[in-house]
Protein backbone atom coordinates (compact mmCIF):
# COMPACT_ATOMS: atom_id res chain seq x y z
CA MET A 1 71.53 144.73 136.41
CA LYS A 2 74.00 141.98 137.31
CA ILE A 3 71.31 139.35 136.83
CA PHE A 4 70.51 140.72 133.36
CA VAL A 5 74.16 140.60 132.31
CA PHE A 6 74.52 137.08 133.70
CA LEU A 7 71.42 135.88 131.82
CA CYS A 8 72.71 137.43 128.59
CA PHE A 9 76.02 135.66 129.11
CA LEU A 10 74.27 132.30 129.67
CA MET A 11 72.20 132.75 126.51
CA LEU A 12 75.33 133.54 124.50
CA VAL A 13 77.21 130.51 125.82
CA SER A 14 74.29 128.15 125.21
CA ALA A 15 73.96 129.39 121.62
CA CYS A 16 77.58 128.43 120.91
CA GLY A 17 77.18 124.65 121.30
CA GLU A 18 79.35 122.07 119.58
CA SER A 19 78.44 121.22 116.03
CA ASP A 20 77.04 117.84 115.05
CA CYS A 21 79.46 115.40 113.39
CA ASN A 22 77.10 115.06 110.41
CA ASN A 23 77.22 118.82 109.85
CA VAL A 24 81.02 118.84 110.08
CA LYS A 25 81.25 115.98 107.57
CA GLN A 26 78.94 117.70 105.11
CA ALA A 27 80.65 121.07 105.44
CA PHE A 28 84.31 120.11 105.41
CA TYR A 29 84.85 116.62 103.97
CA PRO A 30 83.20 116.22 100.57
CA ASP A 31 86.69 116.50 99.05
CA GLU A 32 88.53 113.95 96.98
CA TYR A 33 92.30 113.44 97.14
CA ASN A 34 94.55 111.39 94.91
CA LEU A 35 98.08 112.64 95.38
CA ILE A 36 101.55 111.17 95.11
CA VAL A 37 103.50 112.71 97.97
CA GLY A 38 106.44 115.00 97.24
CA GLU A 39 106.66 116.70 100.64
CA SER A 40 104.58 116.27 103.76
CA ASN A 41 104.18 118.23 106.96
CA ILE A 42 101.86 116.44 109.39
CA ASP A 43 101.19 117.33 113.03
CA ASN A 44 98.37 116.73 115.49
CA SER A 45 96.25 119.46 113.88
CA TRP A 46 97.08 119.60 110.16
CA ILE A 47 97.90 117.41 107.19
CA LYS A 48 99.84 119.45 104.62
CA ILE A 49 101.05 117.58 101.55
CA THR A 50 102.40 118.72 98.20
CA GLY A 51 102.87 116.41 95.27
CA TYR A 52 101.18 115.58 92.00
CA ASP A 53 98.04 113.90 90.75
CA PRO A 54 99.03 110.55 89.15
CA ILE A 55 96.26 110.80 86.54
CA THR A 56 96.81 114.35 85.29
CA ASN A 57 100.48 114.71 86.34
CA LYS A 58 99.61 118.21 87.59
CA LYS A 59 101.18 119.56 90.76
CA SER A 60 98.70 119.64 93.63
CA ASN A 61 98.51 120.03 97.38
CA ILE A 62 96.18 119.40 100.27
CA MET A 63 95.84 121.09 103.64
CA VAL A 64 93.18 119.64 105.93
CA HIS A 65 92.60 119.17 109.63
CA ASN A 66 94.09 115.90 110.86
CA ASN A 67 90.79 114.28 111.85
CA TRP A 68 92.21 110.92 110.73
CA ILE A 69 94.95 110.97 113.39
CA VAL A 70 97.69 110.37 110.84
CA ASP A 71 101.13 110.22 112.49
CA TYR A 72 103.85 112.60 111.25
CA ASN A 73 106.21 109.77 110.25
CA GLU A 74 103.57 107.66 108.54
CA VAL A 75 103.70 109.42 105.16
CA GLU A 76 106.86 109.38 103.02
CA THR A 77 107.85 110.74 99.64
CA GLY A 78 106.40 108.50 96.92
CA ASP A 79 103.38 107.33 98.94
CA THR A 80 99.91 107.93 97.51
CA ILE A 81 97.23 109.64 99.61
CA MET A 82 93.65 108.88 98.59
CA LYS A 83 90.24 109.99 99.84
CA ARG A 84 87.10 109.55 97.80
CA GLU A 85 84.21 112.01 97.75
CA GLY A 86 81.43 110.90 100.09
CA ASN A 87 83.74 108.49 101.92
CA LEU A 88 85.47 109.58 105.12
CA GLU A 89 88.26 106.99 104.99
CA LEU A 90 91.77 108.26 104.21
CA VAL A 91 94.03 105.67 102.57
CA ILE A 92 97.83 105.77 102.38
CA HIS A 93 99.31 103.51 99.70
CA LYS A 94 102.93 102.67 100.43
CA LYS A 95 105.23 100.44 98.36
CA ASP A 96 104.26 97.28 100.22
CA THR A 97 101.43 98.33 102.55
CA ILE A 98 98.04 100.01 102.53
CA ILE A 99 97.15 101.99 105.66
CA ARG A 100 93.51 102.93 106.21
CA HIS A 101 92.43 105.67 108.63
CA ASP A 102 88.92 106.30 109.87
CA TRP A 103 87.80 109.89 110.32
CA TYR A 104 87.42 110.94 113.96
CA CYS A 105 84.88 113.33 115.42
CA ARG A 106 84.75 114.08 119.14
CA GLY A 107 87.30 111.36 119.84
CA LYS A 108 85.40 108.50 118.18
CA ALA A 109 85.75 106.87 114.78
CA TYR A 110 82.98 108.15 112.53
CA LYS A 111 81.86 106.42 109.35
């Protein structure tokens, strides 16, 4: 009986493997962002930003996992956050600088 339970446990654990980076990209990152920052709350896990779309002037927000490793003090009010559909790069336009972040999966930059 113990062997049967142990084998069932091993089968369950092996079925729960890590997902492939291509699958993660396709499932979670087809989004497009173009947002002038009003408020930002960034930590190691999440990017939460509220602001407005500069083209439509409509209020908007984003909340995504921080797979770009954006630092909490990197984004300020008035900056523009951009990410194009089908492109994993996240771009922060500041007054005098453009900061580009690659998307990370399993600790490595993924393009």
